[in-house]
């Protein structure tokens, strides 16, 4: 439990994993879809998650190179945990009379 909580307790880590749950994303997309995160912090978090094998960084041979980030199989194992946290957070916001944030990007509209 300690190792998982240490990972999820990092600033912006759950947000990054949540945004990648819908599929591979580029840096600019993640930066746009995670309000409040700075480019420096997002870059640091992506490097950390890659080093911990939670996500996979893919560089496409183009000019300029295109980099995409996607969850690894280990990263995908975190999704049920984060999904539960989001559901409880949504209920807490409703109980407080506030609106929940925008949902994650999904691969399939019916998902």
C-alpha atoms as a PDB file:
ATOM      1  CA  UNK A   1       0.000   0.000   0.000  1.00  0.00           C
ATOM      2  CA  UNK A   2       2.812   2.392   0.864  1.00  0.00           C
ATOM      3  CA  UNK A   3       4.413   2.161  -2.613  1.00  0.00           C
ATOM      4  CA  UNK A   4       1.111   2.789  -4.396  1.00  0.00           C
ATOM      5  CA  UNK A   5       0.149   5.698  -2.144  1.00  0.00           C
ATOM      6  CA  UNK A   6       3.613   7.242  -2.537  1.00  0.00           C
ATOM      7  CA  UNK A   7       3.129   7.162  -6.303  1.00  0.00           C
ATOM      8  CA  UNK A   8      -0.434   8.504  -6.267  1.00  0.00           C
ATOM      9  CA  UNK A   9       0.434  11.113  -3.647  1.00  0.00           C
ATOM     10  CA  UNK A  10       2.786  12.913  -6.037  1.00  0.00           C
ATOM     11  CA  UNK A  11       1.587  16.298  -7.234  1.00  0.00           C
ATOM     12  CA  UNK A  12      -0.495  15.937 -10.410  1.00  0.00           C
ATOM     13  CA  UNK A  13       0.176  12.191 -10.724  1.00  0.00           C
ATOM     14  CA  UNK A  14      -3.475  11.061 -10.477  1.00  0.00           C
ATOM     15  CA  UNK A  15      -4.457  13.777 -12.971  1.00  0.00           C
ATOM     16  CA  UNK A  16      -1.873  12.597 -15.497  1.00  0.00           C
ATOM     17  CA  UNK A  17      -2.911   8.954 -15.143  1.00  0.00           C
ATOM     18  CA  UNK A  18      -6.594   9.925 -15.400  1.00  0.00           C
ATOM     19  CA  UNK A  19      -6.012  11.889 -18.608  1.00  0.00           C
ATOM     20  CA  UNK A  20      -4.029   9.032 -20.141  1.00  0.00           C
ATOM     21  CA  UNK A  21      -6.782   6.554 -19.327  1.00  0.00           C
ATOM     22  CA  UNK A  22      -8.508   7.482 -22.578  1.00  0.00           C
ATOM     23  CA  UNK A  23      -5.474   6.671 -24.704  1.00  0.00           C
ATOM     24  CA  UNK A  24      -2.141   8.097 -25.782  1.00  0.00           C
ATOM     25  CA  UNK A  25      -1.742  11.880 -25.548  1.00  0.00           C
ATOM     26  CA  UNK A  26       0.833  14.466 -26.526  1.00  0.00           C
ATOM     27  CA  UNK A  27       2.424  16.836 -24.015  1.00  0.00           C
ATOM     28  CA  UNK A  28       0.447  19.851 -25.246  1.00  0.00           C
ATOM     29  CA  UNK A  29      -2.840  17.978 -24.942  1.00  0.00           C
ATOM     30  CA  UNK A  30      -2.062  16.979 -21.371  1.00  0.00           C
ATOM     31  CA  UNK A  31      -0.986  20.514 -20.501  1.00  0.00           C
ATOM     32  CA  UNK A  32      -4.250  21.898 -21.883  1.00  0.00           C
ATOM     33  CA  UNK A  33      -6.441  19.300 -20.157  1.00  0.00           C
ATOM     34  CA  UNK A  34      -4.876  19.532 -16.684  1.00  0.00           C
ATOM     35  CA  UNK A  35      -5.710  23.054 -15.505  1.00  0.00           C
ATOM     36  CA  UNK A  36      -3.157  24.599 -13.175  1.00  0.00           C
ATOM     37  CA  UNK A  37      -0.190  22.357 -13.968  1.00  0.00           C
ATOM     38  CA  UNK A  38       2.920  24.150 -15.226  1.00  0.00           C
ATOM     39  CA  UNK A  39       4.909  22.795 -18.183  1.00  0.00           C
ATOM     40  CA  UNK A  40       7.893  22.215 -15.874  1.00  0.00           C
ATOM     41  CA  UNK A  41       5.822  20.225 -13.364  1.00  0.00           C
ATOM     42  CA  UNK A  42       4.076  18.188 -16.073  1.00  0.00           C
ATOM     43  CA  UNK A  43       7.410  17.354 -17.680  1.00  0.00           C
ATOM     44  CA  UNK A  44       8.855  16.270 -14.318  1.00  0.00           C
ATOM     45  CA  UNK A  45       5.803  14.134 -13.549  1.00  0.00           C
ATOM     46  CA  UNK A  46       5.883  12.453 -16.979  1.00  0.00           C
ATOM     47  CA  UNK A  47       9.585  11.634 -16.589  1.00  0.00           C
ATOM     48  CA  UNK A  48       8.972  10.235 -13.100  1.00  0.00           C
ATOM     49  CA  UNK A  49       6.071   8.065 -14.256  1.00  0.00           C
ATOM     50  CA  UNK A  50       8.115   6.792 -17.188  1.00  0.00           C
ATOM     51  CA  UNK A  51      10.998   5.910 -14.852  1.00  0.00           C
ATOM     52  CA  UNK A  52       8.574   4.015 -12.596  1.00  0.00           C
ATOM     53  CA  UNK A  53       7.222   2.188 -15.656  1.00  0.00           C
ATOM     54  CA  UNK A  54       3.700   3.556 -15.196  1.00  0.00           C
ATOM     55  CA  UNK A  55       3.666   5.117 -18.638  1.00  0.00           C
ATOM     56  CA  UNK A  56       5.340   4.592 -21.985  1.00  0.00           C
ATOM     57  CA  UNK A  57       6.893   7.450 -23.949  1.00  0.00           C
ATOM     58  CA  UNK A  58       6.884   6.949 -27.724  1.00  0.00           C
ATOM     59  CA  UNK A  59       8.760   9.208 -30.132  1.00  0.00           C
ATOM     60  CA  UNK A  60       7.403   9.145 -33.681  1.00  0.00           C
ATOM     61  CA  UNK A  61       9.990   9.768 -36.405  1.00  0.00           C
ATOM     62  CA  UNK A  62       8.774  13.055 -37.806  1.00  0.00           C
ATOM     63  CA  UNK A  63      10.121  16.546 -38.232  1.00  0.00           C
ATOM     64  CA  UNK A  64       9.812  17.852 -35.585  1.00  0.00           C
ATOM     65  CA  UNK A  65       9.588  14.610 -33.580  1.00  0.00           C
ATOM     66  CA  UNK A  66       6.180  13.846 -32.115  1.00  0.00           C
ATOM     67  CA  UNK A  67       6.115  12.414 -28.600  1.00  0.00           C
ATOM     68  CA  UNK A  68       3.145  10.581 -27.139  1.00  0.00           C
ATOM     69  CA  UNK A  69       2.569   9.228 -23.659  1.00  0.00           C
ATOM     70  CA  UNK A  70       0.406   6.205 -22.882  1.00  0.00           C
ATOM     71  CA  UNK A  71      -0.234   4.084 -19.836  1.00  0.00           C
ATOM     72  CA  UNK A  72       1.783   0.910 -19.520  1.00  0.00           C
ATOM     73  CA  UNK A  73       0.075  -2.294 -18.354  1.00  0.00           C
ATOM     74  CA  UNK A  74       1.196  -1.375 -14.820  1.00  0.00           C
ATOM     75  CA  UNK A  75      -0.302   2.101 -15.222  1.00  0.00           C
ATOM     76  CA  UNK A  76      -3.580   0.620 -16.427  1.00  0.00           C
ATOM     77  CA  UNK A  77      -3.765  -1.393 -13.195  1.00  0.00           C
ATOM     78  CA  UNK A  78      -4.083   1.925 -11.342  1.00  0.00           C
ATOM     79  CA  UNK A  79      -7.238   2.938 -13.224  1.00  0.00           C
ATOM     80  CA  UNK A  80      -9.797   1.128 -11.013  1.00  0.00           C
ATOM     81  CA  UNK A  81      -8.272   2.830  -7.962  1.00  0.00           C
ATOM     82  CA  UNK A  82      -8.359   6.274  -9.542  1.00  0.00           C
ATOM     83  CA  UNK A  83     -11.844   5.658 -10.943  1.00  0.00           C
ATOM     84  CA  UNK A  84     -13.072   4.898  -7.422  1.00  0.00           C
ATOM     85  CA  UNK A  85     -11.403   8.055  -6.093  1.00  0.00           C
ATOM     86  CA  UNK A  86     -13.114  10.105  -8.831  1.00  0.00           C
ATOM     87  CA  UNK A  87     -16.524   8.582  -8.029  1.00  0.00           C
ATOM     88  CA  UNK A  88     -16.173   9.298  -4.310  1.00  0.00           C
ATOM     89  CA  UNK A  89     -14.910  12.815  -5.070  1.00  0.00           C
ATOM     90  CA  UNK A  90     -17.918  13.436  -7.314  1.00  0.00           C
ATOM     91  CA  UNK A  91     -20.268  12.324  -4.547  1.00  0.00           C
ATOM     92  CA  UNK A  92     -18.471  14.599  -2.085  1.00  0.00           C
ATOM     93  CA  UNK A  93     -18.849  17.549  -4.454  1.00  0.00           C
ATOM     94  CA  UNK A  94     -22.548  16.819  -4.963  1.00  0.00           C
ATOM     95  CA  UNK A  95     -23.040  16.585  -1.209  1.00  0.00           C
ATOM     96  CA  UNK A  96     -21.372  19.999  -0.855  1.00  0.00           C
ATOM     97  CA  UNK A  97     -23.547  21.420  -3.654  1.00  0.00           C
ATOM     98  CA  UNK A  98     -20.685  21.834  -6.134  1.00  0.00           C
ATOM     99  CA  UNK A  99     -20.313  20.610  -9.708  1.00  0.00           C
ATOM    100  CA  UNK A 100     -17.709  17.944 -10.563  1.00  0.00           C
ATOM    101  CA  UNK A 101     -14.852  18.658 -12.991  1.00  0.00           C
ATOM    102  CA  UNK A 102     -14.842  17.609 -16.614  1.00  0.00           C
ATOM    103  CA  UNK A 103     -14.597  13.854 -17.162  1.00  0.00           C
ATOM    104  CA  UNK A 104     -11.629  12.064 -18.689  1.00  0.00           C
ATOM    105  CA  UNK A 105     -11.273  11.563 -22.386  1.00  0.00           C
ATOM    106  CA  UNK A 106     -12.554   8.117 -23.363  1.00  0.00           C
ATOM    107  CA  UNK A 107     -11.672   5.834 -26.246  1.00  0.00           C
ATOM    108  CA  UNK A 108     -15.278   4.955 -26.937  1.00  0.00           C
ATOM    109  CA  UNK A 109     -18.235   7.340 -26.571  1.00  0.00           C
ATOM    110  CA  UNK A 110     -20.248   4.619 -24.854  1.00  0.00           C
ATOM    111  CA  UNK A 111     -17.534   4.027 -22.225  1.00  0.00           C
END
